[in-house]
N, C-alpha and C. Protein backbone atom coordinates (compact mmCIF):
# COMPACT_ATOMS: atom_id res chain seq x y z
N MET A 1 -3.87 -36.62 -30.95
CA MET A 1 -2.87 -36.24 -31.93
C MET A 1 -3.54 -35.85 -33.23
N HIS A 2 -2.94 -34.86 -33.89
CA HIS A 2 -3.43 -34.44 -35.19
C HIS A 2 -2.84 -35.34 -36.26
N PRO A 3 -3.66 -35.70 -37.27
CA PRO A 3 -3.09 -36.50 -38.37
C PRO A 3 -2.10 -35.65 -39.15
N ARG A 4 -1.14 -36.32 -39.76
CA ARG A 4 -0.14 -35.61 -40.57
C ARG A 4 -0.81 -34.97 -41.78
N PRO A 5 -0.39 -33.74 -42.13
CA PRO A 5 -0.98 -33.09 -43.30
C PRO A 5 -0.63 -33.85 -44.58
N ARG A 6 -1.62 -33.91 -45.47
CA ARG A 6 -1.39 -34.55 -46.76
C ARG A 6 -0.66 -33.59 -47.69
N LYS A 7 -0.23 -34.12 -48.83
CA LYS A 7 0.56 -33.33 -49.76
C LYS A 7 -0.16 -32.05 -50.17
N LYS A 8 -1.46 -32.13 -50.49
CA LYS A 8 -2.22 -30.94 -50.88
C LYS A 8 -2.22 -29.90 -49.77
N GLU A 9 -2.42 -30.37 -48.53
CA GLU A 9 -2.43 -29.46 -47.39
C GLU A 9 -1.06 -28.82 -47.19
N LYS A 10 0.01 -29.61 -47.36
CA LYS A 10 1.36 -29.07 -47.21
C LYS A 10 1.62 -27.98 -48.25
N VAL A 11 1.20 -28.22 -49.48
CA VAL A 11 1.39 -27.23 -50.55
C VAL A 11 0.60 -25.96 -50.23
N PHE A 12 -0.63 -26.12 -49.74
CA PHE A 12 -1.46 -24.98 -49.39
C PHE A 12 -0.84 -24.19 -48.24
N ILE A 13 -0.38 -24.89 -47.21
CA ILE A 13 0.25 -24.23 -46.06
C ILE A 13 1.49 -23.48 -46.52
N ALA A 14 2.31 -24.10 -47.36
CA ALA A 14 3.52 -23.45 -47.87
C ALA A 14 3.16 -22.20 -48.66
N SER A 15 2.08 -22.26 -49.46
CA SER A 15 1.69 -21.09 -50.25
C SER A 15 1.20 -19.95 -49.35
N LEU A 16 0.47 -20.30 -48.28
CA LEU A 16 0.03 -19.28 -47.32
C LEU A 16 1.23 -18.62 -46.64
N HIS A 17 2.20 -19.44 -46.24
CA HIS A 17 3.39 -18.90 -45.59
C HIS A 17 4.16 -17.99 -46.54
N LYS A 18 4.28 -18.39 -47.77
CA LYS A 18 4.98 -17.56 -48.76
C LYS A 18 4.27 -16.23 -48.95
N ARG A 19 2.94 -16.27 -49.04
CA ARG A 19 2.16 -15.04 -49.22
C ARG A 19 2.27 -14.13 -48.00
N LYS A 20 2.23 -14.73 -46.81
CA LYS A 20 2.39 -13.95 -45.59
C LYS A 20 3.74 -13.22 -45.58
N THR A 21 4.78 -13.94 -45.99
CA THR A 21 6.12 -13.34 -46.05
C THR A 21 6.16 -12.21 -47.06
N GLU A 22 5.53 -12.40 -48.22
CA GLU A 22 5.48 -11.35 -49.25
C GLU A 22 4.79 -10.10 -48.72
N LEU A 23 3.64 -10.28 -48.05
CA LEU A 23 2.90 -9.14 -47.50
C LEU A 23 3.71 -8.43 -46.41
N PHE A 24 4.35 -9.21 -45.55
CA PHE A 24 5.16 -8.65 -44.49
C PHE A 24 6.31 -7.84 -45.07
N MET A 25 6.97 -8.39 -46.09
CA MET A 25 8.09 -7.69 -46.72
C MET A 25 7.63 -6.40 -47.40
N ALA A 26 6.44 -6.42 -47.99
CA ALA A 26 5.90 -5.20 -48.61
C ALA A 26 5.71 -4.11 -47.55
N LEU A 27 5.22 -4.48 -46.37
CA LEU A 27 5.05 -3.52 -45.28
C LEU A 27 6.39 -2.96 -44.83
N ILE A 28 7.39 -3.82 -44.74
CA ILE A 28 8.73 -3.39 -44.33
C ILE A 28 9.32 -2.43 -45.36
N GLU A 29 9.25 -2.82 -46.64
CA GLU A 29 9.82 -2.01 -47.72
C GLU A 29 9.16 -0.63 -47.80
N LYS A 30 7.88 -0.56 -47.49
CA LYS A 30 7.16 0.72 -47.53
C LYS A 30 7.29 1.49 -46.22
N LYS A 31 8.11 0.96 -45.31
CA LYS A 31 8.36 1.58 -44.00
C LYS A 31 7.08 1.74 -43.19
N LEU A 32 6.16 0.79 -43.36
CA LEU A 32 4.91 0.82 -42.61
C LEU A 32 5.02 0.07 -41.28
N LEU A 33 6.13 -0.65 -41.10
CA LEU A 33 6.41 -1.31 -39.83
C LEU A 33 7.79 -0.84 -39.37
N PRO A 34 7.84 0.29 -38.68
CA PRO A 34 9.14 0.84 -38.28
C PRO A 34 9.76 0.04 -37.13
N LEU A 35 11.04 0.28 -36.90
CA LEU A 35 11.72 -0.30 -35.75
C LEU A 35 11.06 0.19 -34.46
N ARG A 36 11.11 -0.64 -33.46
CA ARG A 36 10.62 -0.20 -32.16
C ARG A 36 11.62 0.79 -31.57
N PRO A 37 11.14 1.74 -30.75
CA PRO A 37 12.03 2.76 -30.18
C PRO A 37 13.22 2.15 -29.42
N GLY A 38 14.40 2.64 -29.74
CA GLY A 38 15.61 2.25 -29.03
C GLY A 38 16.43 1.14 -29.66
N VAL A 39 15.85 0.41 -30.59
CA VAL A 39 16.56 -0.73 -31.18
C VAL A 39 17.83 -0.25 -31.88
N GLN A 40 17.70 0.73 -32.76
CA GLN A 40 18.86 1.22 -33.51
C GLN A 40 19.91 1.82 -32.56
N ARG A 41 19.46 2.58 -31.57
CA ARG A 41 20.39 3.18 -30.61
C ARG A 41 21.18 2.12 -29.87
N LEU A 42 20.51 1.08 -29.37
CA LEU A 42 21.19 0.03 -28.61
C LEU A 42 22.19 -0.72 -29.49
N ILE A 43 21.81 -0.99 -30.73
CA ILE A 43 22.73 -1.66 -31.65
C ILE A 43 23.94 -0.79 -31.93
N ASP A 44 23.73 0.51 -32.14
CA ASP A 44 24.85 1.41 -32.38
C ASP A 44 25.77 1.49 -31.16
N GLU A 45 25.20 1.48 -29.95
CA GLU A 45 26.01 1.46 -28.73
C GLU A 45 26.87 0.19 -28.69
N ALA A 46 26.26 -0.94 -29.06
CA ALA A 46 27.00 -2.21 -29.06
C ALA A 46 28.15 -2.17 -30.05
N PHE A 47 27.89 -1.69 -31.26
CA PHE A 47 28.95 -1.60 -32.27
C PHE A 47 30.09 -0.70 -31.79
N ALA A 48 29.74 0.42 -31.17
CA ALA A 48 30.75 1.38 -30.70
C ALA A 48 31.66 0.75 -29.64
N LYS A 49 31.14 -0.21 -28.89
CA LYS A 49 31.92 -0.87 -27.83
C LYS A 49 32.51 -2.20 -28.30
N GLY A 50 32.32 -2.55 -29.57
CA GLY A 50 32.87 -3.81 -30.09
C GLY A 50 32.10 -5.04 -29.64
N VAL A 51 30.85 -4.85 -29.24
CA VAL A 51 30.00 -5.96 -28.81
C VAL A 51 29.37 -6.61 -30.04
N LYS A 52 29.41 -7.93 -30.09
CA LYS A 52 28.82 -8.66 -31.21
C LYS A 52 27.31 -8.64 -31.10
N VAL A 53 26.64 -8.47 -32.25
CA VAL A 53 25.18 -8.40 -32.29
C VAL A 53 24.68 -9.47 -33.25
N ALA A 54 23.67 -10.19 -32.83
CA ALA A 54 23.06 -11.21 -33.68
C ALA A 54 21.54 -11.09 -33.59
N VAL A 55 20.89 -11.52 -34.65
CA VAL A 55 19.44 -11.69 -34.65
C VAL A 55 19.20 -13.18 -34.73
N CYS A 56 18.47 -13.71 -33.75
CA CYS A 56 18.19 -15.15 -33.69
C CYS A 56 16.70 -15.37 -33.86
N SER A 57 16.34 -15.95 -34.99
CA SER A 57 14.92 -16.17 -35.29
C SER A 57 14.77 -17.48 -36.04
N THR A 58 13.71 -18.18 -35.75
CA THR A 58 13.46 -19.39 -36.52
C THR A 58 12.52 -19.10 -37.69
N SER A 59 12.30 -17.81 -37.96
CA SER A 59 11.56 -17.42 -39.15
C SER A 59 12.45 -17.58 -40.38
N ASN A 60 11.88 -17.40 -41.54
CA ASN A 60 12.58 -17.54 -42.81
C ASN A 60 13.83 -16.66 -42.86
N GLU A 61 14.98 -17.25 -43.16
CA GLU A 61 16.26 -16.53 -43.14
C GLU A 61 16.27 -15.37 -44.11
N LYS A 62 15.76 -15.58 -45.31
CA LYS A 62 15.76 -14.52 -46.33
C LYS A 62 14.94 -13.32 -45.83
N ALA A 63 13.80 -13.59 -45.25
CA ALA A 63 12.94 -12.52 -44.75
C ALA A 63 13.60 -11.79 -43.58
N VAL A 64 14.19 -12.54 -42.65
CA VAL A 64 14.82 -11.92 -41.48
C VAL A 64 15.97 -11.03 -41.93
N SER A 65 16.82 -11.53 -42.84
CA SER A 65 17.95 -10.73 -43.33
C SER A 65 17.48 -9.48 -44.04
N ALA A 66 16.42 -9.61 -44.83
CA ALA A 66 15.88 -8.45 -45.54
C ALA A 66 15.32 -7.43 -44.56
N ILE A 67 14.64 -7.89 -43.54
CA ILE A 67 14.08 -7.00 -42.53
C ILE A 67 15.20 -6.23 -41.82
N VAL A 68 16.26 -6.94 -41.43
CA VAL A 68 17.40 -6.30 -40.77
C VAL A 68 17.99 -5.23 -41.69
N SER A 69 18.15 -5.56 -42.96
CA SER A 69 18.74 -4.62 -43.92
C SER A 69 17.85 -3.41 -44.15
N TYR A 70 16.55 -3.65 -44.37
CA TYR A 70 15.62 -2.53 -44.62
C TYR A 70 15.48 -1.62 -43.42
N LEU A 71 15.34 -2.21 -42.23
CA LEU A 71 15.06 -1.40 -41.05
C LEU A 71 16.29 -0.76 -40.43
N LEU A 72 17.44 -1.41 -40.56
CA LEU A 72 18.65 -0.88 -39.94
C LEU A 72 19.64 -0.32 -40.95
N GLY A 73 19.40 -0.58 -42.22
CA GLY A 73 20.31 -0.11 -43.27
C GLY A 73 21.40 -1.13 -43.54
N PRO A 74 21.89 -1.14 -44.77
CA PRO A 74 22.88 -2.16 -45.17
C PRO A 74 24.19 -2.10 -44.39
N GLU A 75 24.62 -0.90 -43.96
CA GLU A 75 25.89 -0.81 -43.22
C GLU A 75 25.79 -1.52 -41.87
N ARG A 76 24.70 -1.33 -41.17
CA ARG A 76 24.52 -2.03 -39.89
C ARG A 76 24.29 -3.52 -40.15
N ALA A 77 23.49 -3.84 -41.16
CA ALA A 77 23.17 -5.24 -41.45
C ALA A 77 24.43 -6.06 -41.72
N GLU A 78 25.43 -5.45 -42.33
CA GLU A 78 26.69 -6.16 -42.61
C GLU A 78 27.39 -6.60 -41.33
N LYS A 79 27.17 -5.88 -40.24
CA LYS A 79 27.85 -6.17 -38.97
C LYS A 79 27.04 -7.10 -38.07
N ILE A 80 25.80 -7.39 -38.46
CA ILE A 80 24.91 -8.23 -37.65
C ILE A 80 24.86 -9.62 -38.23
N THR A 81 25.11 -10.62 -37.39
CA THR A 81 25.00 -12.00 -37.83
C THR A 81 23.56 -12.46 -37.63
N VAL A 82 22.98 -13.03 -38.67
CA VAL A 82 21.61 -13.52 -38.61
C VAL A 82 21.63 -15.04 -38.51
N PHE A 83 20.99 -15.56 -37.48
CA PHE A 83 20.78 -16.99 -37.32
C PHE A 83 19.27 -17.19 -37.50
N ALA A 84 18.87 -17.75 -38.61
CA ALA A 84 17.44 -17.83 -38.89
C ALA A 84 17.12 -19.04 -39.76
N GLY A 85 15.82 -19.28 -39.88
CA GLY A 85 15.36 -20.39 -40.70
C GLY A 85 15.54 -21.71 -39.96
N ASP A 86 15.87 -22.71 -40.72
CA ASP A 86 15.99 -24.06 -40.15
C ASP A 86 17.44 -24.41 -39.82
N VAL A 87 18.19 -23.45 -39.28
CA VAL A 87 19.59 -23.70 -38.94
C VAL A 87 19.73 -24.57 -37.70
N VAL A 88 18.64 -24.74 -36.97
CA VAL A 88 18.62 -25.63 -35.80
C VAL A 88 17.42 -26.57 -35.95
N PRO A 89 17.51 -27.75 -35.35
CA PRO A 89 16.43 -28.74 -35.52
C PRO A 89 15.13 -28.40 -34.81
N ARG A 90 15.21 -27.60 -33.73
CA ARG A 90 14.01 -27.29 -32.95
C ARG A 90 13.89 -25.78 -32.75
N LYS A 91 12.68 -25.29 -32.80
CA LYS A 91 12.41 -23.86 -32.65
C LYS A 91 12.28 -23.50 -31.17
N LYS A 92 12.30 -22.19 -30.89
CA LYS A 92 12.07 -21.71 -29.54
C LYS A 92 10.74 -22.29 -29.05
N PRO A 93 10.63 -22.71 -27.82
CA PRO A 93 11.43 -22.40 -26.64
C PRO A 93 12.70 -23.23 -26.47
N ASP A 94 13.01 -24.11 -27.41
CA ASP A 94 14.27 -24.82 -27.36
C ASP A 94 15.41 -23.80 -27.47
N PRO A 95 16.48 -23.95 -26.70
CA PRO A 95 17.57 -22.96 -26.71
C PRO A 95 18.54 -23.08 -27.88
N ALA A 96 18.32 -24.00 -28.79
CA ALA A 96 19.31 -24.31 -29.84
C ALA A 96 19.76 -23.09 -30.64
N ILE A 97 18.85 -22.20 -30.99
CA ILE A 97 19.23 -21.04 -31.82
C ILE A 97 20.19 -20.12 -31.06
N TYR A 98 19.95 -19.95 -29.76
CA TYR A 98 20.83 -19.10 -28.96
C TYR A 98 22.17 -19.77 -28.70
N LEU A 99 22.15 -21.07 -28.48
CA LEU A 99 23.41 -21.79 -28.28
C LEU A 99 24.25 -21.80 -29.55
N LEU A 100 23.60 -21.89 -30.70
CA LEU A 100 24.32 -21.81 -31.97
C LEU A 100 25.03 -20.47 -32.11
N ALA A 101 24.33 -19.39 -31.77
CA ALA A 101 24.93 -18.06 -31.84
C ALA A 101 26.14 -17.96 -30.91
N ALA A 102 25.99 -18.39 -29.67
CA ALA A 102 27.09 -18.31 -28.71
C ALA A 102 28.27 -19.16 -29.18
N ASN A 103 28.01 -20.36 -29.66
CA ASN A 103 29.08 -21.23 -30.14
C ASN A 103 29.77 -20.65 -31.36
N THR A 104 29.01 -20.06 -32.27
CA THR A 104 29.58 -19.46 -33.47
C THR A 104 30.50 -18.31 -33.11
N PHE A 105 30.09 -17.50 -32.14
CA PHE A 105 30.90 -16.36 -31.70
C PHE A 105 31.99 -16.78 -30.70
N ARG A 106 31.98 -18.05 -30.30
CA ARG A 106 32.92 -18.55 -29.29
C ARG A 106 32.81 -17.74 -27.99
N ILE A 107 31.56 -17.56 -27.58
CA ILE A 107 31.25 -16.81 -26.37
C ILE A 107 30.49 -17.73 -25.42
N ASP A 108 30.81 -17.68 -24.16
CA ASP A 108 30.07 -18.46 -23.17
C ASP A 108 28.64 -17.90 -23.11
N PRO A 109 27.64 -18.77 -23.14
CA PRO A 109 26.25 -18.28 -23.07
C PRO A 109 25.99 -17.36 -21.88
N SER A 110 26.68 -17.58 -20.78
CA SER A 110 26.47 -16.73 -19.60
C SER A 110 26.98 -15.31 -19.80
N SER A 111 27.68 -15.06 -20.92
CA SER A 111 28.16 -13.72 -21.26
C SER A 111 27.24 -13.02 -22.26
N CYS A 112 26.08 -13.62 -22.52
CA CYS A 112 25.16 -13.07 -23.52
C CYS A 112 23.92 -12.47 -22.86
N VAL A 113 23.46 -11.36 -23.45
CA VAL A 113 22.19 -10.76 -23.04
C VAL A 113 21.28 -10.79 -24.26
N VAL A 114 20.11 -11.35 -24.07
CA VAL A 114 19.11 -11.47 -25.12
C VAL A 114 18.02 -10.44 -24.86
N VAL A 115 17.57 -9.76 -25.91
CA VAL A 115 16.40 -8.89 -25.82
C VAL A 115 15.29 -9.62 -26.57
N GLU A 116 14.24 -9.96 -25.86
CA GLU A 116 13.13 -10.74 -26.41
C GLU A 116 11.82 -10.02 -26.17
N ASP A 117 10.77 -10.50 -26.84
CA ASP A 117 9.45 -9.92 -26.61
C ASP A 117 8.39 -10.95 -26.30
N SER A 118 8.79 -12.22 -26.15
CA SER A 118 7.78 -13.26 -25.90
C SER A 118 8.24 -14.23 -24.83
N ALA A 119 7.27 -14.90 -24.21
CA ALA A 119 7.57 -15.91 -23.20
C ALA A 119 8.33 -17.08 -23.81
N ILE A 120 8.03 -17.41 -25.05
CA ILE A 120 8.74 -18.50 -25.73
C ILE A 120 10.21 -18.15 -25.92
N GLY A 121 10.47 -16.91 -26.36
CA GLY A 121 11.85 -16.46 -26.53
C GLY A 121 12.58 -16.38 -25.20
N LEU A 122 11.88 -15.92 -24.17
CA LEU A 122 12.44 -15.86 -22.82
C LEU A 122 12.84 -17.26 -22.36
N ALA A 123 11.97 -18.22 -22.55
CA ALA A 123 12.27 -19.60 -22.13
C ALA A 123 13.50 -20.13 -22.87
N ALA A 124 13.62 -19.81 -24.15
CA ALA A 124 14.78 -20.26 -24.94
C ALA A 124 16.06 -19.62 -24.42
N ALA A 125 16.03 -18.31 -24.16
CA ALA A 125 17.22 -17.61 -23.68
C ALA A 125 17.66 -18.15 -22.32
N LYS A 126 16.71 -18.33 -21.41
CA LYS A 126 17.05 -18.81 -20.07
C LYS A 126 17.55 -20.25 -20.12
N ALA A 127 16.95 -21.09 -20.97
CA ALA A 127 17.42 -22.48 -21.11
C ALA A 127 18.83 -22.53 -21.68
N ALA A 128 19.21 -21.49 -22.43
CA ALA A 128 20.57 -21.40 -22.98
C ALA A 128 21.55 -20.88 -21.94
N GLY A 129 21.06 -20.43 -20.78
CA GLY A 129 21.92 -19.90 -19.73
C GLY A 129 22.29 -18.44 -19.94
N MET A 130 21.42 -17.71 -20.65
CA MET A 130 21.68 -16.30 -20.97
C MET A 130 20.79 -15.39 -20.14
N LYS A 131 21.22 -14.14 -19.97
CA LYS A 131 20.37 -13.13 -19.36
C LYS A 131 19.35 -12.72 -20.42
N CYS A 132 18.17 -12.31 -19.97
CA CYS A 132 17.12 -11.94 -20.92
C CYS A 132 16.33 -10.73 -20.43
N ILE A 133 16.31 -9.72 -21.30
CA ILE A 133 15.50 -8.53 -21.06
C ILE A 133 14.27 -8.65 -21.96
N ILE A 134 13.11 -8.47 -21.38
CA ILE A 134 11.87 -8.51 -22.16
C ILE A 134 11.45 -7.08 -22.50
N THR A 135 11.12 -6.88 -23.77
CA THR A 135 10.46 -5.64 -24.19
C THR A 135 9.09 -6.08 -24.71
N LYS A 136 8.08 -5.80 -23.94
CA LYS A 136 6.72 -6.25 -24.28
C LYS A 136 6.27 -5.70 -25.62
N SER A 137 5.43 -6.47 -26.29
CA SER A 137 4.79 -5.97 -27.51
C SER A 137 3.29 -6.05 -27.30
N GLY A 138 2.55 -5.48 -28.23
CA GLY A 138 1.09 -5.54 -28.14
C GLY A 138 0.57 -6.97 -28.16
N TYR A 139 1.34 -7.86 -28.77
CA TYR A 139 0.92 -9.26 -28.87
C TYR A 139 1.28 -10.07 -27.64
N THR A 140 2.30 -9.62 -26.89
CA THR A 140 2.81 -10.45 -25.80
C THR A 140 2.69 -9.81 -24.42
N ALA A 141 2.08 -8.65 -24.33
CA ALA A 141 2.05 -7.89 -23.07
C ALA A 141 1.49 -8.68 -21.89
N GLU A 142 0.57 -9.60 -22.15
CA GLU A 142 -0.07 -10.35 -21.06
C GLU A 142 0.63 -11.67 -20.74
N GLU A 143 1.73 -11.99 -21.43
CA GLU A 143 2.43 -13.24 -21.18
C GLU A 143 3.18 -13.20 -19.86
N ASN A 144 3.56 -14.37 -19.36
CA ASN A 144 4.26 -14.50 -18.09
C ASN A 144 5.76 -14.28 -18.31
N PHE A 145 6.30 -13.23 -17.69
CA PHE A 145 7.71 -12.90 -17.82
C PHE A 145 8.45 -12.95 -16.47
N LEU A 146 7.96 -13.79 -15.56
CA LEU A 146 8.54 -13.85 -14.23
C LEU A 146 10.02 -14.23 -14.23
N ASP A 147 10.47 -15.02 -15.20
CA ASP A 147 11.87 -15.46 -15.25
C ASP A 147 12.80 -14.44 -15.89
N ALA A 148 12.25 -13.35 -16.41
CA ALA A 148 13.08 -12.34 -17.09
C ALA A 148 13.98 -11.63 -16.09
N ASP A 149 15.14 -11.20 -16.57
CA ASP A 149 16.05 -10.43 -15.73
C ASP A 149 15.60 -8.99 -15.60
N ALA A 150 14.82 -8.53 -16.58
CA ALA A 150 14.23 -7.19 -16.55
C ALA A 150 13.10 -7.16 -17.57
N VAL A 151 12.09 -6.33 -17.31
CA VAL A 151 10.95 -6.22 -18.21
C VAL A 151 10.65 -4.74 -18.44
N PHE A 152 10.52 -4.35 -19.71
CA PHE A 152 10.20 -2.97 -20.09
C PHE A 152 9.16 -3.00 -21.20
N ASP A 153 8.52 -1.86 -21.41
CA ASP A 153 7.59 -1.75 -22.53
C ASP A 153 8.34 -1.70 -23.86
N CYS A 154 9.52 -1.08 -23.85
CA CYS A 154 10.36 -1.01 -25.04
C CYS A 154 11.77 -0.60 -24.60
N ILE A 155 12.72 -0.65 -25.51
CA ILE A 155 14.08 -0.21 -25.20
C ILE A 155 14.06 1.30 -24.96
N GLY A 156 13.45 2.02 -25.89
CA GLY A 156 13.26 3.46 -25.75
C GLY A 156 14.42 4.30 -26.21
N ASP A 157 14.07 5.48 -26.70
CA ASP A 157 15.04 6.50 -27.10
C ASP A 157 14.89 7.68 -26.16
N SER A 158 15.94 8.49 -26.06
CA SER A 158 15.92 9.68 -25.22
C SER A 158 14.78 10.60 -25.65
N PRO A 159 14.03 11.16 -24.76
CA PRO A 159 14.15 11.18 -23.31
C PRO A 159 13.44 10.02 -22.62
N ASN A 160 12.89 9.09 -23.39
CA ASN A 160 12.13 7.98 -22.81
C ASN A 160 12.91 6.67 -22.87
N GLN A 161 14.19 6.74 -22.66
CA GLN A 161 15.07 5.57 -22.72
C GLN A 161 14.88 4.72 -21.48
N ASN A 162 14.58 3.44 -21.68
CA ASN A 162 14.40 2.53 -20.55
C ASN A 162 15.69 1.83 -20.15
N PHE A 163 16.54 1.49 -21.13
CA PHE A 163 17.82 0.87 -20.80
C PHE A 163 18.80 1.06 -21.94
N ASP A 164 20.07 0.82 -21.61
CA ASP A 164 21.14 1.00 -22.59
C ASP A 164 22.12 -0.17 -22.48
N LEU A 165 23.23 -0.06 -23.21
CA LEU A 165 24.23 -1.13 -23.20
C LEU A 165 24.84 -1.30 -21.81
N GLU A 166 25.02 -0.21 -21.11
CA GLU A 166 25.57 -0.27 -19.75
C GLU A 166 24.67 -1.11 -18.84
N PHE A 167 23.36 -0.96 -18.98
CA PHE A 167 22.41 -1.76 -18.20
C PHE A 167 22.59 -3.24 -18.54
N CYS A 168 22.74 -3.54 -19.83
CA CYS A 168 22.94 -4.93 -20.26
C CYS A 168 24.21 -5.51 -19.64
N ALA A 169 25.28 -4.73 -19.65
CA ALA A 169 26.54 -5.18 -19.06
C ALA A 169 26.38 -5.41 -17.56
N ALA A 170 25.65 -4.54 -16.89
CA ALA A 170 25.43 -4.69 -15.45
C ALA A 170 24.67 -5.97 -15.14
N LEU A 171 23.76 -6.38 -16.03
CA LEU A 171 23.01 -7.63 -15.81
C LEU A 171 23.95 -8.83 -15.73
N LEU A 172 25.01 -8.79 -16.51
CA LEU A 172 25.94 -9.92 -16.55
C LEU A 172 26.71 -10.07 -15.24
N HIS A 173 26.76 -9.01 -14.44
CA HIS A 173 27.53 -9.04 -13.20
C HIS A 173 26.67 -9.12 -11.96
N LYS A 174 25.36 -9.15 -12.13
CA LYS A 174 24.46 -9.19 -10.98
C LYS A 174 23.56 -10.43 -11.06
N GLN A 175 23.21 -10.94 -9.92
CA GLN A 175 22.25 -12.04 -9.87
C GLN A 175 20.83 -11.50 -10.06
N TYR A 176 20.55 -10.35 -9.46
CA TYR A 176 19.21 -9.78 -9.52
C TYR A 176 19.29 -8.30 -9.81
N VAL A 177 18.34 -7.79 -10.55
CA VAL A 177 18.24 -6.35 -10.82
C VAL A 177 16.88 -5.90 -10.32
N ASN A 178 16.88 -4.84 -9.51
CA ASN A 178 15.60 -4.32 -9.00
C ASN A 178 15.11 -3.21 -9.88
């Protein structure tokens, strides 16, 4: 077991985390970290069909909300519920963040489709009883995604679209997707 961090170490760790968030936000604001292909399209499809959209992250709530607003624009951000920060006692792979979202929306978890990019997020979604589509990232491409309902390199935009809202809906009605 690791010894508990002392006060000085906690202050140092907090300052590093704050600085990391500042640098990340600067990249977002300067549009140096664009949305992955297909994210905006899929969200717009969901809004057009009256499907609720949430971002579930155990990262800092202020940063997550700002990222959603900067990358998707304030009009879309107003329609997206953000569950972030320490709103749940345990972080992914614990399913608490996803269960909180489902309970808040009064939706059965089995009616939810999660788009994730990591094995930890996949484990959280599946433990919550939700369908999960993996979109690999450069950081997670080698992780184990055997439990995923589908795996793609990205959501994709036309002509390289990998899946759409209809595909997500079909997942909810099938046990397996080939």
